[in-house]
Amino acid sequence: MANQAGASSSTPLELIFEDDENDLIYGAGSGWVEARTSCDHLASLSSDLAQIPTPDTPCNRCQHPTENWLCLSCKDVLCSRFVNKHMLQHSQQINHCLALSYSDLSVWCFACDSYLDAQVIMQLRPVYETAYILKFGEVPPSRSVECSKGDQAEGGASSADS
């Protein structure tokens, strides 16, 4: 009980997912999170992600100023699960599963329960770059994806379009 006095309301990521050999492990060991390089839910992206709200936009429901996410389907800005869970509720109620964090510009798929690599997935790259420019006032640095050919060959067989 003495340890609870210093406990924070937001706990570290402790979820571990091991569905099969190709799935990623989150929160394990070193805390490294490997983002997926494909997602079956990209069809739900808004057709106009070149025009997005600025990263300082407060949550549309509670007006919380930080820890906000951009819905990549309808462009609503809502707070994280560590604030009032408005983006999580939005995803559950409306089935909009893709969101970009204005805190660290990561992209999360609620349906896959996974981060997505917005610099590798071509459909996500424009919104990532736009958000980066709005947040930092400059174009994002290029990231080398030297292993992408091997990753594509490995992931290509498992991510066939249906």
C-alpha atoms as a PDB file:
ATOM      1  CA  MET A   1       0.000   0.000   0.000  1.00  0.00           C
ATOM      2  CA  ALA A   2       2.896   2.363   0.670  1.00  0.00           C
ATOM      3  CA  ASN A   3       3.911   2.125  -3.002  1.00  0.00           C
ATOM      4  CA  GLN A   4       0.497   3.331  -4.174  1.00  0.00           C
ATOM      5  CA  ALA A   5       1.026   6.811  -2.719  1.00  0.00           C
ATOM      6  CA  GLY A   6       3.541   7.676  -5.417  1.00  0.00           C
ATOM      7  CA  ALA A   7       1.655   5.983  -8.248  1.00  0.00           C
ATOM      8  CA  SER A   8       0.681   8.045 -11.246  1.00  0.00           C
ATOM      9  CA  SER A   9      -2.753   7.922 -12.850  1.00  0.00           C
ATOM     10  CA  SER A  10      -1.151   7.090 -16.184  1.00  0.00           C
ATOM     11  CA  THR A  11       0.696   3.812 -16.042  1.00  0.00           C
ATOM     12  CA  PRO A  12       3.455   2.703 -18.403  1.00  0.00           C
ATOM     13  CA  LEU A  13       2.525   0.633 -21.425  1.00  0.00           C
ATOM     14  CA  GLU A  14       2.194  -2.894 -20.078  1.00  0.00           C
ATOM     15  CA  LEU A  15       0.259  -4.620 -22.846  1.00  0.00           C
ATOM     16  CA  ILE A  16       1.826  -7.575 -24.598  1.00  0.00           C
ATOM     17  CA  PHE A  17       0.321  -8.971 -27.783  1.00  0.00           C
ATOM     18  CA  GLU A  18       1.634 -12.225 -29.249  1.00  0.00           C
ATOM     19  CA  ASP A  19      -1.055 -13.492 -31.620  1.00  0.00           C
ATOM     20  CA  ASP A  20       1.333 -15.262 -33.991  1.00  0.00           C
ATOM     21  CA  GLU A  21       4.956 -15.186 -35.100  1.00  0.00           C
ATOM     22  CA  ASN A  22       4.423 -12.194 -37.409  1.00  0.00           C
ATOM     23  CA  ASP A  23       2.678 -10.014 -34.828  1.00  0.00           C
ATOM     24  CA  LEU A  24       4.599  -7.444 -32.868  1.00  0.00           C
ATOM     25  CA  ILE A  25       5.216  -7.384 -29.152  1.00  0.00           C
ATOM     26  CA  TYR A  26       4.325  -4.137 -27.368  1.00  0.00           C
ATOM     27  CA  GLY A  27       5.622  -3.119 -23.976  1.00  0.00           C
ATOM     28  CA  ALA A  28       7.901  -6.150 -23.710  1.00  0.00           C
ATOM     29  CA  GLY A  29      11.442  -6.038 -22.393  1.00  0.00           C
ATOM     30  CA  SER A  30      13.038  -2.788 -23.465  1.00  0.00           C
ATOM     31  CA  GLY A  31       9.738  -1.093 -24.270  1.00  0.00           C
ATOM     32  CA  TRP A  32      10.567  -0.900 -27.988  1.00  0.00           C
ATOM     33  CA  VAL A  33       7.452  -0.660 -30.150  1.00  0.00           C
ATOM     34  CA  GLU A  34       7.775  -1.730 -33.781  1.00  0.00           C
ATOM     35  CA  ALA A  35       5.287   0.049 -36.043  1.00  0.00           C
ATOM     36  CA  ARG A  36       3.485  -1.947 -38.715  1.00  0.00           C
ATOM     37  CA  THR A  37       4.306  -1.242 -42.353  1.00  0.00           C
ATOM     38  CA  SER A  38       0.864  -2.258 -43.636  1.00  0.00           C
ATOM     39  CA  CYS A  39      -2.743  -1.978 -42.485  1.00  0.00           C
ATOM     40  CA  ASP A  40      -6.030  -3.244 -43.919  1.00  0.00           C
ATOM     41  CA  HIS A  41      -7.906  -0.126 -42.754  1.00  0.00           C
ATOM     42  CA  LEU A  42      -6.290   2.551 -44.948  1.00  0.00           C
ATOM     43  CA  ALA A  43      -9.420   2.771 -47.123  1.00  0.00           C
ATOM     44  CA  SER A  44     -11.044   4.702 -44.264  1.00  0.00           C
ATOM     45  CA  LEU A  45      -8.622   7.637 -44.655  1.00  0.00           C
ATOM     46  CA  SER A  46     -10.135  11.019 -45.478  1.00  0.00           C
ATOM     47  CA  SER A  47      -9.619  11.999 -49.102  1.00  0.00           C
ATOM     48  CA  ASP A  48      -8.397  15.474 -48.019  1.00  0.00           C
ATOM     49  CA  LEU A  49      -5.615  15.108 -45.477  1.00  0.00           C
ATOM     50  CA  ALA A  50      -3.583  17.954 -46.991  1.00  0.00           C
ATOM     51  CA  GLN A  51      -5.756  20.379 -44.981  1.00  0.00           C
ATOM     52  CA  ILE A  52      -5.739  19.419 -41.290  1.00  0.00           C
ATOM     53  CA  PRO A  53      -6.213  21.302 -37.999  1.00  0.00           C
ATOM     54  CA  THR A  54      -3.034  22.591 -36.369  1.00  0.00           C
ATOM     55  CA  PRO A  55      -1.313  20.536 -33.641  1.00  0.00           C
ATOM     56  CA  ASP A  56      -2.321  23.077 -30.976  1.00  0.00           C
ATOM     57  CA  THR A  57      -6.035  22.442 -31.620  1.00  0.00           C
ATOM     58  CA  PRO A  58      -7.783  21.468 -28.374  1.00  0.00           C
ATOM     59  CA  CYS A  59     -10.035  18.429 -28.010  1.00  0.00           C
ATOM     60  CA  ASN A  60     -13.356  19.108 -29.768  1.00  0.00           C
ATOM     61  CA  ARG A  61     -15.308  17.680 -26.795  1.00  0.00           C
ATOM     62  CA  CYS A  62     -13.517  18.765 -23.596  1.00  0.00           C
ATOM     63  CA  GLN A  63     -11.176  21.496 -24.922  1.00  0.00           C
ATOM     64  CA  HIS A  64      -8.142  19.812 -23.318  1.00  0.00           C
ATOM     65  CA  PRO A  65      -5.106  21.519 -24.882  1.00  0.00           C
ATOM     66  CA  THR A  66      -2.628  18.600 -25.060  1.00  0.00           C
ATOM     67  CA  GLU A  67      -2.372  14.853 -25.746  1.00  0.00           C
ATOM     68  CA  ASN A  68      -4.739  15.222 -28.683  1.00  0.00           C
ATOM     69  CA  TRP A  69      -5.197  13.018 -31.718  1.00  0.00           C
ATOM     70  CA  LEU A  70      -6.417  13.758 -35.239  1.00  0.00           C
ATOM     71  CA  CYS A  71      -8.980  11.322 -36.620  1.00  0.00           C
ATOM     72  CA  LEU A  72      -7.718  10.449 -40.091  1.00  0.00           C
ATOM     73  CA  SER A  73     -11.234   9.666 -41.312  1.00  0.00           C
ATOM     74  CA  CYS A  74     -13.191  12.801 -40.340  1.00  0.00           C
ATOM     75  CA  LYS A  75     -10.407  15.135 -39.104  1.00  0.00           C
ATOM     76  CA  ASP A  76     -11.922  15.539 -35.618  1.00  0.00           C
ATOM     77  CA  VAL A  77      -9.353  16.423 -32.933  1.00  0.00           C
ATOM     78  CA  LEU A  78      -9.960  14.488 -29.720  1.00  0.00           C
ATOM     79  CA  CYS A  79      -8.008  13.802 -26.535  1.00  0.00           C
ATOM     80  CA  SER A  80      -6.080  10.650 -25.709  1.00  0.00           C
ATOM     81  CA  ARG A  81      -6.992   7.712 -23.502  1.00  0.00           C
ATOM     82  CA  PHE A  82      -4.729   9.260 -20.856  1.00  0.00           C
ATOM     83  CA  VAL A  83      -6.889  12.399 -20.674  1.00  0.00           C
ATOM     84  CA  ASN A  84     -10.638  11.860 -21.193  1.00  0.00           C
ATOM     85  CA  LYS A  85     -10.557   9.049 -23.798  1.00  0.00           C
ATOM     86  CA  HIS A  86     -12.505  11.018 -26.405  1.00  0.00           C
ATOM     87  CA  MET A  87     -10.540   9.619 -29.396  1.00  0.00           C
ATOM     88  CA  LEU A  88     -10.954   6.081 -28.077  1.00  0.00           C
ATOM     89  CA  GLN A  89     -14.722   6.642 -27.634  1.00  0.00           C
ATOM     90  CA  HIS A  90     -14.923   8.164 -31.130  1.00  0.00           C
ATOM     91  CA  SER A  91     -13.222   5.113 -32.589  1.00  0.00           C
ATOM     92  CA  GLN A  92     -15.546   2.743 -30.757  1.00  0.00           C
ATOM     93  CA  GLN A  93     -18.758   4.678 -31.557  1.00  0.00           C
ATOM     94  CA  ILE A  94     -18.074   5.753 -35.154  1.00  0.00           C
ATOM     95  CA  ASN A  95     -15.655   2.992 -36.225  1.00  0.00           C
ATOM     96  CA  HIS A  96     -13.019   5.495 -37.333  1.00  0.00           C
ATOM     97  CA  CYS A  97      -9.915   3.489 -36.550  1.00  0.00           C
ATOM     98  CA  LEU A  98      -6.958   5.592 -37.771  1.00  0.00           C
ATOM     99  CA  ALA A  99      -5.589   8.515 -35.768  1.00  0.00           C
ATOM    100  CA  LEU A 100      -2.447  10.655 -35.684  1.00  0.00           C
ATOM    101  CA  SER A 101      -1.028  11.805 -32.347  1.00  0.00           C
ATOM    102  CA  TYR A 102      -0.221  15.494 -32.285  1.00  0.00           C
ATOM    103  CA  SER A 103       2.170  14.798 -29.383  1.00  0.00           C
ATOM    104  CA  ASP A 104       4.658  12.605 -31.259  1.00  0.00           C
ATOM    105  CA  LEU A 105       3.124  12.339 -34.771  1.00  0.00           C
ATOM    106  CA  SER A 106       2.661   8.599 -34.427  1.00  0.00           C
ATOM    107  CA  VAL A 107      -0.257   6.927 -36.210  1.00  0.00           C
ATOM    108  CA  TRP A 108      -2.417   4.371 -34.389  1.00  0.00           C
ATOM    109  CA  CYS A 109      -4.923   1.929 -35.843  1.00  0.00           C
ATOM    110  CA  PHE A 110      -7.554   1.057 -33.234  1.00  0.00           C
ATOM    111  CA  ALA A 111      -8.751  -1.915 -35.317  1.00  0.00           C
ATOM    112  CA  CYS A 112      -5.237  -3.403 -35.615  1.00  0.00           C
ATOM    113  CA  ASP A 113      -4.386  -2.253 -32.082  1.00  0.00           C
ATOM    114  CA  SER A 114      -1.055  -1.161 -33.459  1.00  0.00           C
ATOM    115  CA  TYR A 115       1.122   1.767 -34.405  1.00  0.00           C
ATOM    116  CA  LEU A 116       1.635   2.282 -38.143  1.00  0.00           C
ATOM    117  CA  ASP A 117       4.822   3.536 -39.770  1.00  0.00           C
ATOM    118  CA  ALA A 118       3.621   6.768 -41.383  1.00  0.00           C
ATOM    119  CA  GLN A 119       6.908   7.294 -43.193  1.00  0.00           C
ATOM    120  CA  VAL A 120       6.808   3.889 -44.893  1.00  0.00           C
ATOM    121  CA  ILE A 121       3.074   3.544 -45.625  1.00  0.00           C
ATOM    122  CA  MET A 122       2.628   5.771 -48.688  1.00  0.00           C
ATOM    123  CA  GLN A 123      -1.019   6.681 -47.914  1.00  0.00           C
ATOM    124  CA  LEU A 124       0.017   8.076 -44.495  1.00  0.00           C
ATOM    125  CA  ARG A 125       3.117   9.959 -45.572  1.00  0.00           C
ATOM    126  CA  PRO A 126       1.309  13.165 -46.759  1.00  0.00           C
ATOM    127  CA  VAL A 127      -0.609  13.678 -43.490  1.00  0.00           C
ATOM    128  CA  TYR A 128       2.516  12.910 -41.462  1.00  0.00           C
ATOM    129  CA  GLU A 129       4.507  15.472 -43.467  1.00  0.00           C
ATOM    130  CA  THR A 130       1.748  18.094 -43.183  1.00  0.00           C
ATOM    131  CA  ALA A 131       1.466  17.578 -39.414  1.00  0.00           C
ATOM    132  CA  TYR A 132       5.260  17.753 -39.073  1.00  0.00           C
ATOM    133  CA  ILE A 133       5.407  21.049 -40.983  1.00  0.00           C
ATOM    134  CA  LEU A 134       2.552  22.497 -38.900  1.00  0.00           C
ATOM    135  CA  LYS A 135       4.235  21.389 -35.657  1.00  0.00           C
ATOM    136  CA  PHE A 136       7.885  22.216 -36.393  1.00  0.00           C
ATOM    137  CA  GLY A 137       7.742  24.740 -39.257  1.00  0.00           C
ATOM    138  CA  GLU A 138       9.971  22.665 -41.541  1.00  0.00           C
ATOM    139  CA  VAL A 139       9.893  19.605 -43.751  1.00  0.00           C
ATOM    140  CA  PRO A 140      10.559  16.345 -41.885  1.00  0.00           C
ATOM    141  CA  PRO A 141      14.005  14.823 -42.343  1.00  0.00           C
ATOM    142  CA  SER A 142      14.185  11.864 -44.690  1.00  0.00           C
ATOM    143  CA  ARG A 143      14.404   8.495 -43.032  1.00  0.00           C
ATOM    144  CA  SER A 144      16.432   5.751 -44.605  1.00  0.00           C
ATOM    145  CA  VAL A 145      14.392   2.594 -45.123  1.00  0.00           C
ATOM    146  CA  GLU A 146      17.225   0.305 -46.190  1.00  0.00           C
ATOM    147  CA  CYS A 147      15.453  -2.856 -45.041  1.00  0.00           C
ATOM    148  CA  SER A 148      12.216  -2.005 -46.822  1.00  0.00           C
ATOM    149  CA  LYS A 149      12.792  -4.425 -49.717  1.00  0.00           C
ATOM    150  CA  GLY A 150      13.166  -7.364 -47.345  1.00  0.00           C
ATOM    151  CA  ASP A 151      10.240  -6.197 -45.240  1.00  0.00           C
ATOM    152  CA  GLN A 152       8.024  -5.804 -48.311  1.00  0.00           C
ATOM    153  CA  ALA A 153       8.864  -9.250 -49.574  1.00  0.00           C
ATOM    154  CA  GLU A 154       8.111 -10.722 -46.176  1.00  0.00           C
ATOM    155  CA  GLY A 155       4.951  -8.652 -45.591  1.00  0.00           C
ATOM    156  CA  GLY A 156       3.771  -8.736 -49.213  1.00  0.00           C
ATOM    157  CA  ALA A 157       2.648 -12.343 -49.058  1.00  0.00           C
ATOM    158  CA  SER A 158       0.624 -11.809 -45.891  1.00  0.00           C
ATOM    159  CA  SER A 159      -1.027  -8.529 -46.899  1.00  0.00           C
ATOM    160  CA  ALA A 160      -2.766  -9.466 -50.134  1.00  0.00           C
ATOM    161  CA  ASP A 161      -5.659  -7.221 -51.134  1.00  0.00           C
ATOM    162  CA  SER A 162      -9.093  -8.769 -50.920  1.00  0.00           C
END
